Protein backbone atom coordinates (compact mmCIF):
# COMPACT_ATOMS: atom_id res chain seq x y z
CA MET A 1 18.52 21.06 38.00
CA ILE A 2 18.06 17.66 36.58
CA GLU A 3 19.57 17.37 33.15
CA PRO A 4 17.28 16.38 30.29
CA ARG A 5 17.14 12.76 29.24
CA ILE A 6 16.44 11.06 25.90
CA VAL A 7 14.48 7.87 25.61
CA GLY A 8 13.30 6.06 22.52
CA ASP A 9 11.88 3.00 20.82
CA TRP A 10 13.91 2.03 17.77
CA GLY A 11 11.91 -0.59 15.86
CA SER A 12 12.33 -2.31 12.47
CA THR A 13 10.35 0.39 10.60
CA ARG A 14 10.72 3.59 12.59
CA LEU A 15 12.56 5.40 15.37
CA ARG A 16 10.62 7.30 17.99
CA LEU A 17 12.46 9.57 20.43
CA TRP A 18 11.26 11.62 23.37
CA ARG A 19 13.06 14.32 25.29
CA LEU A 20 12.31 14.20 28.99
CA GLU A 21 12.80 16.98 31.49
CA GLU A 22 12.15 16.10 35.12
CA GLY A 23 10.30 13.00 33.80
CA GLN A 24 7.97 14.89 31.52
CA VAL A 25 7.96 14.82 27.74
CA THR A 26 9.07 18.17 26.33
CA ASP A 27 9.74 17.15 22.68
CA ARG A 28 9.51 14.20 20.37
CA ARG A 29 10.99 13.16 17.05
CA GLU A 30 10.72 10.31 14.54
CA GLY A 31 13.18 8.73 12.20
CA PRO A 32 13.84 5.65 10.09
CA GLY A 33 13.70 2.12 11.40
CA VAL A 34 16.74 -0.08 11.92
CA ILE A 35 16.05 -2.19 8.84
CA GLY A 36 17.35 -0.69 5.63
CA LEU A 37 19.35 2.23 7.11
CA GLN A 38 21.62 4.01 4.62
CA LEU A 39 23.94 5.16 7.37
CA ALA A 40 25.40 3.55 10.44
CA PRO A 41 22.86 3.39 13.31
CA ALA A 42 25.14 5.52 15.50
CA ASP A 43 25.24 8.30 12.89
CA VAL A 44 21.48 8.22 12.52
CA LEU A 45 20.92 8.54 16.24
CA LEU A 46 23.49 11.28 16.72
CA ASP A 47 22.00 13.34 13.93
CA ALA A 48 18.45 12.90 15.26
CA ILE A 49 19.36 14.20 18.75
CA ALA A 50 21.96 16.82 17.87
CA SER A 51 19.93 19.80 19.07
CA TRP A 52 18.92 17.99 22.25
CA ARG A 53 22.59 17.33 23.06
CA ALA A 54 23.27 20.98 22.57
CA ASP A 55 20.65 21.59 25.24
CA GLY A 56 22.52 19.41 27.71
CA ALA A 57 21.10 15.88 27.23
CA ARG A 58 23.83 13.37 27.88
CA ARG A 59 21.91 10.15 28.63
CA VAL A 60 19.98 8.00 26.13
CA THR A 61 17.79 4.96 26.91
CA LEU A 62 16.43 2.89 24.06
CA CYS A 63 14.45 -0.31 23.59
CA GLY A 64 13.52 -2.40 20.55
CA MET A 65 15.72 -3.34 17.57
CA ALA A 66 18.37 -0.90 18.68
CA GLY A 67 19.60 -3.79 20.70
CA ALA A 68 19.44 -6.36 17.90
CA ARG A 69 22.43 -7.79 16.05
CA GLY A 70 23.21 -5.17 13.40
CA GLY A 71 21.47 -2.44 15.48
CA LEU A 72 23.11 0.24 17.50
CA TYR A 73 24.56 -2.08 20.14
CA GLU A 74 23.70 -5.70 20.74
CA ALA A 75 21.77 -6.36 23.95
CA GLY A 76 20.94 -9.89 25.09
CA TYR A 77 17.65 -11.60 25.78
CA ALA A 78 16.54 -12.17 29.35
CA PRO A 79 14.63 -15.52 29.78
CA CYS A 80 11.04 -15.89 31.03
CA PRO A 81 9.74 -15.89 33.66
CA LEU A 82 11.03 -12.42 34.04
CA ASP A 83 10.30 -9.63 36.49
CA ALA A 84 11.12 -5.94 36.21
CA PRO A 85 14.33 -5.93 38.37
CA GLN A 86 15.65 -8.96 36.54
CA TRP A 87 14.96 -7.27 33.18
CA ALA A 88 16.55 -4.00 34.26
CA GLU A 89 19.74 -5.86 35.41
CA ARG A 90 20.20 -7.11 31.85
CA THR A 91 20.35 -3.65 30.37
CA ALA A 92 23.27 -3.05 28.04
CA ALA A 93 25.28 0.11 28.69
CA PHE A 94 28.01 1.79 26.60
CA ALA A 95 29.46 5.16 25.74
CA LEU A 96 28.79 6.84 22.37
CA ASP A 97 30.48 10.15 21.53
CA GLY A 98 30.20 11.41 25.09
CA LEU A 99 26.71 9.96 25.69
CA ALA A 100 25.83 7.38 28.28
CA VAL A 101 23.60 4.99 26.29
CA ARG A 102 21.48 2.18 27.71
CA ILE A 103 19.58 -0.42 25.65
CA ALA A 104 16.90 -2.58 27.19
CA ALA A 105 17.29 -6.31 27.02
CA GLY A 106 14.87 -8.32 24.89
CA CYS A 107 12.91 -11.22 26.28
CA ALA A 108 13.06 -14.97 25.39
CA HIS A 109 10.55 -17.77 25.96
CA ASP A 110 11.64 -21.36 25.73
CA ARG A 111 9.24 -23.18 23.44
CA GLY A 112 10.87 -26.55 23.79
CA GLY A 113 12.71 -28.66 21.26
CA GLY A 114 15.62 -26.18 21.18
CA PHE A 115 13.39 -23.29 20.00
CA ARG A 116 12.90 -19.95 21.67
CA ASP A 117 10.37 -17.22 20.97
CA LEU A 118 11.79 -13.69 21.11
CA MET A 119 10.63 -10.16 21.53
CA ARG A 120 12.35 -6.78 21.48
CA GLY A 121 10.46 -3.71 22.46
CA GLU A 122 7.29 -5.39 23.56
CA GLU A 123 8.78 -6.34 26.88
CA THR A 124 9.23 -2.62 27.62
CA GLN A 125 5.55 -2.04 26.89
CA LEU A 126 4.52 -4.96 29.11
CA PHE A 127 6.56 -3.78 32.15
CA GLY A 128 5.31 -0.25 31.43
CA ALA A 129 1.75 -1.45 31.35
CA MET A 130 2.26 -3.15 34.72
CA ALA A 131 3.77 0.04 36.19
CA LEU A 132 0.78 2.08 34.99
CA ASN A 133 -1.78 -0.52 36.03
CA PRO A 134 -0.77 -2.12 39.35
CA ALA A 135 -3.73 -4.55 39.10
CA LEU A 136 -1.72 -6.36 36.32
CA THR A 137 0.89 -7.28 38.88
CA VAL A 138 -1.59 -9.40 40.81
CA GLY A 139 -2.72 -12.74 39.35
CA ARG A 140 -2.51 -13.89 35.71
CA HIS A 141 -3.45 -11.70 32.78
CA LEU A 142 -3.39 -12.00 28.97
CA LEU A 143 -2.12 -9.12 26.86
CA ILE A 144 -1.89 -8.73 23.11
CA LEU A 145 0.64 -6.47 21.35
CA PRO A 146 -0.39 -6.36 17.73
CA GLY A 147 1.99 -5.26 15.05
CA THR A 148 4.32 -6.59 12.35
CA HIS A 149 4.99 -9.56 14.63
CA SER A 150 2.05 -9.78 17.00
CA LYS A 151 2.73 -10.94 20.55
CA TRP A 152 0.31 -12.68 22.97
CA ALA A 153 1.87 -12.49 26.47
CA VAL A 154 0.83 -13.93 29.81
CA VAL A 155 1.89 -11.95 32.83
CA ASP A 156 1.75 -13.64 36.23
CA ASN A 157 2.11 -11.72 39.51
CA GLY A 158 4.31 -9.05 37.91
CA ARG A 159 6.37 -11.38 35.74
CA ILE A 160 6.34 -12.02 32.01
CA ALA A 161 5.56 -15.74 32.24
CA SER A 162 5.28 -16.70 28.57
CA PHE A 163 4.45 -15.40 25.13
CA ARG A 164 3.82 -16.40 21.54
CA SER A 165 4.68 -14.48 18.36
CA PHE A 166 2.68 -14.36 15.11
CA LEU A 167 3.86 -12.91 11.77
CA THR A 168 0.39 -11.55 11.18
CA GLY A 169 1.29 -7.97 10.19
CA GLU A 170 4.24 -9.01 7.95
CA LEU A 171 2.16 -11.79 6.32
CA PHE A 172 -0.71 -9.40 5.64
CA ALA A 173 1.66 -6.91 3.95
CA ARG A 174 3.19 -9.57 1.78
CA LEU A 175 -0.10 -11.19 0.80
CA ARG A 176 -1.58 -7.85 -0.24
CA GLY A 177 1.09 -7.72 -2.97
CA SER A 178 0.44 -11.27 -4.14
CA SER A 179 -2.07 -12.94 -6.46
CA LEU A 180 -4.61 -12.93 -3.66
CA LEU A 181 -5.03 -9.17 -4.17
CA PRO A 182 -3.84 -8.56 -7.74
CA GLU A 183 -5.41 -5.05 -7.89
CA PRO A 184 -4.28 -2.23 -5.64
CA ALA A 185 -6.45 -1.79 -2.57
CA SER A 186 -6.60 0.93 -0.01
CA ALA A 187 -5.95 0.10 3.63
CA PRO A 188 -8.59 -2.18 5.13
CA GLY A 189 -11.41 -0.36 6.94
CA GLY A 190 -15.04 0.44 6.48
CA GLU A 191 -16.01 -3.07 5.62
CA GLU A 192 -17.21 -4.52 8.92
CA ALA A 193 -19.03 -7.35 7.19
CA ALA A 194 -15.86 -8.27 5.32
CA PHE A 195 -13.78 -8.34 8.49
CA ALA A 196 -16.44 -10.46 10.31
CA ALA A 197 -16.55 -12.84 7.42
CA GLY A 198 -12.74 -13.29 7.69
CA VAL A 199 -12.89 -13.98 11.39
CA GLU A 200 -15.68 -16.53 10.93
CA ALA A 201 -13.72 -18.25 8.15
CA ALA A 202 -10.80 -18.58 10.51
CA ARG A 203 -13.03 -20.08 13.13
CA ASP A 204 -14.40 -22.64 10.74
CA GLY A 205 -11.07 -23.93 9.38
CA GLY A 206 -7.27 -23.65 9.09
CA LEU A 207 -5.53 -20.63 7.71
CA LEU A 208 -3.86 -22.22 4.67
CA GLY A 209 -7.10 -23.79 3.58
CA ASN A 210 -8.96 -20.41 3.71
CA LEU A 211 -6.37 -17.96 2.24
CA PHE A 212 -7.57 -18.55 -1.28
CA LEU A 213 -11.04 -17.34 -0.37
CA THR A 214 -9.60 -13.84 -0.57
CA ARG A 215 -9.03 -14.31 -4.25
CA SER A 216 -12.14 -16.37 -5.11
CA ALA A 217 -14.36 -13.81 -3.48
CA GLN A 218 -13.11 -11.25 -6.06
CA VAL A 219 -13.17 -13.55 -9.05
CA ASP A 220 -16.36 -15.44 -8.33
CA ALA A 221 -18.48 -13.11 -6.19
CA GLY A 222 -17.33 -9.78 -7.57
CA GLU A 223 -16.11 -8.40 -4.29
CA SER A 224 -13.86 -5.30 -4.41
CA PRO A 225 -10.15 -5.32 -3.59
CA GLU A 226 -10.98 -3.23 -0.52
CA TRP A 227 -13.45 -5.87 0.63
CA ALA A 228 -10.92 -8.66 0.03
CA SER A 229 -8.16 -6.77 1.92
CA THR A 230 -10.44 -6.34 4.93
CA PHE A 231 -11.53 -10.00 4.72
CA LEU A 232 -7.84 -11.02 4.69
CA SER A 233 -7.18 -8.89 7.78
CA GLY A 234 -10.07 -10.63 9.59
CA LEU A 235 -8.88 -14.03 8.48
CA LEU A 236 -5.34 -13.49 9.79
CA ILE A 237 -6.32 -11.85 13.06
CA GLY A 238 -9.05 -14.41 13.49
CA SER A 239 -6.52 -17.24 13.02
CA GLU A 240 -4.44 -15.78 15.80
CA CYS A 241 -7.55 -15.76 18.09
CA VAL A 242 -8.43 -19.35 17.16
CA GLU A 243 -4.98 -20.61 18.12
CA MET A 244 -4.58 -18.59 21.26
CA THR A 245 -8.06 -18.92 22.72
CA GLY A 246 -7.44 -22.66 22.55
CA THR A 247 -4.02 -22.61 24.20
CA ALA A 248 -3.70 -19.47 26.41
CA PRO A 249 -5.03 -19.38 29.98
CA PRO A 250 -8.70 -18.41 30.03
CA ALA A 251 -9.03 -14.61 30.45
CA ALA A 252 -12.26 -12.74 31.15
CA LEU A 253 -10.55 -9.52 30.02
CA VAL A 254 -7.78 -9.24 27.38
CA ARG A 255 -5.62 -6.15 27.34
CA ILE A 256 -4.49 -4.79 24.00
CA ILE A 257 -1.44 -2.56 23.67
CA GLY A 258 -1.25 -1.15 20.14
CA ALA A 259 -2.15 1.57 17.68
CA PRO A 260 -5.82 2.52 17.92
CA GLY A 261 -6.93 1.22 14.53
CA LEU A 262 -5.19 -2.14 14.90
CA ALA A 263 -6.32 -2.48 18.50
CA GLU A 264 -9.89 -1.92 17.34
CA HIS A 265 -9.56 -4.77 14.86
CA TYR A 266 -8.32 -7.16 17.53
CA ALA A 267 -11.06 -6.07 19.91
CA ALA A 268 -13.68 -6.74 17.21
CA ALA A 269 -12.26 -10.19 16.48
CA LEU A 270 -12.01 -11.18 20.20
CA ALA A 271 -15.64 -10.01 20.75
CA ARG A 272 -16.70 -12.71 18.29
CA PHE A 273 -14.98 -15.23 20.50
CA GLY A 274 -16.76 -13.93 23.56
CA ALA A 275 -13.74 -12.14 25.07
CA GLY A 276 -13.92 -8.69 26.63
CA THR A 277 -11.07 -6.27 25.94
CA GLU A 278 -9.42 -3.23 27.42
CA ARG A 279 -7.17 -1.03 25.25
CA LEU A 280 -4.01 0.44 26.77
CA ASP A 281 -2.17 3.39 25.23
CA ALA A 282 0.94 2.05 23.52
CA ASP A 283 3.03 5.21 23.81
CA ALA A 284 2.22 5.60 27.43
CA CYS A 285 3.30 1.96 28.12
CA THR A 286 6.45 2.41 26.14
CA LEU A 287 7.40 5.58 27.99
CA ALA A 288 6.65 4.00 31.39
CA GLY A 289 8.90 1.03 30.59
CA LEU A 290 11.68 3.27 29.32
CA ARG A 291 11.47 5.44 32.43
CA MET A 292 12.04 2.28 34.48
CA ILE A 293 15.21 1.48 32.62
CA ASP A 294 16.39 5.08 32.75
CA ALA A 295 15.92 5.27 36.46
CA TYR A 296 17.67 1.95 37.16
CA ASP A 297 21.20 2.18 38.45
């Protein structure tokens, strides 16, 4: 009998764990993200999986910020262009209280001038997406991974060729607590016209010159905080699209790996730029990538 395995994605804001038995998910759990932990990461992990260990699980494979400096165990960055075997070879392995733990390497892209773009966790989803969709391993494809730090990645014949990061999600969260949105607002949604207006504003000019429109629309035009919040979302996502549609390789179809609501926003914005989209299940991609690392010896 094959012993159960544990795989997980430990990001900045949450920990997601899955128990696998003969490759199939039999249980799942969530916990706090790496940022702001009150206990040592090792203690948090051991507490989260205590009952699974009692059932015989002895191997843990993680991706994401678990491998960051200050995380569970520092894993390096593998440089682009990067294929799956090269990525798997950079996996960090160590022992923790009788467990065999593996942490996936992050990915780095040389931007020139001594700067590198970095990702942790998204590379697992990208390789997982290619494992689930073999067509992505032939030719060049553009994929978006929206989130706190949105990624636009180009994959070329099975390799992560390049990528760009945008602080869209983090910037949105911080601006919602600023003078642009002085009154509390619910999460954006239900204001399609407001979102479209934000995307069009991004198309017509630079981000910094348009951010104040979020406030003036409330003060001068009487728009609600909810309208302004949705407009701001469209403006930020639209600004991503403006920058990347002008620099990324042309793509007839853009794949989006992300939470359904956020993926829907990106699909709506890209549609206004004439791009077709296909949405890929984020959890399925993450699990497929983690299974690749878990199986690699």
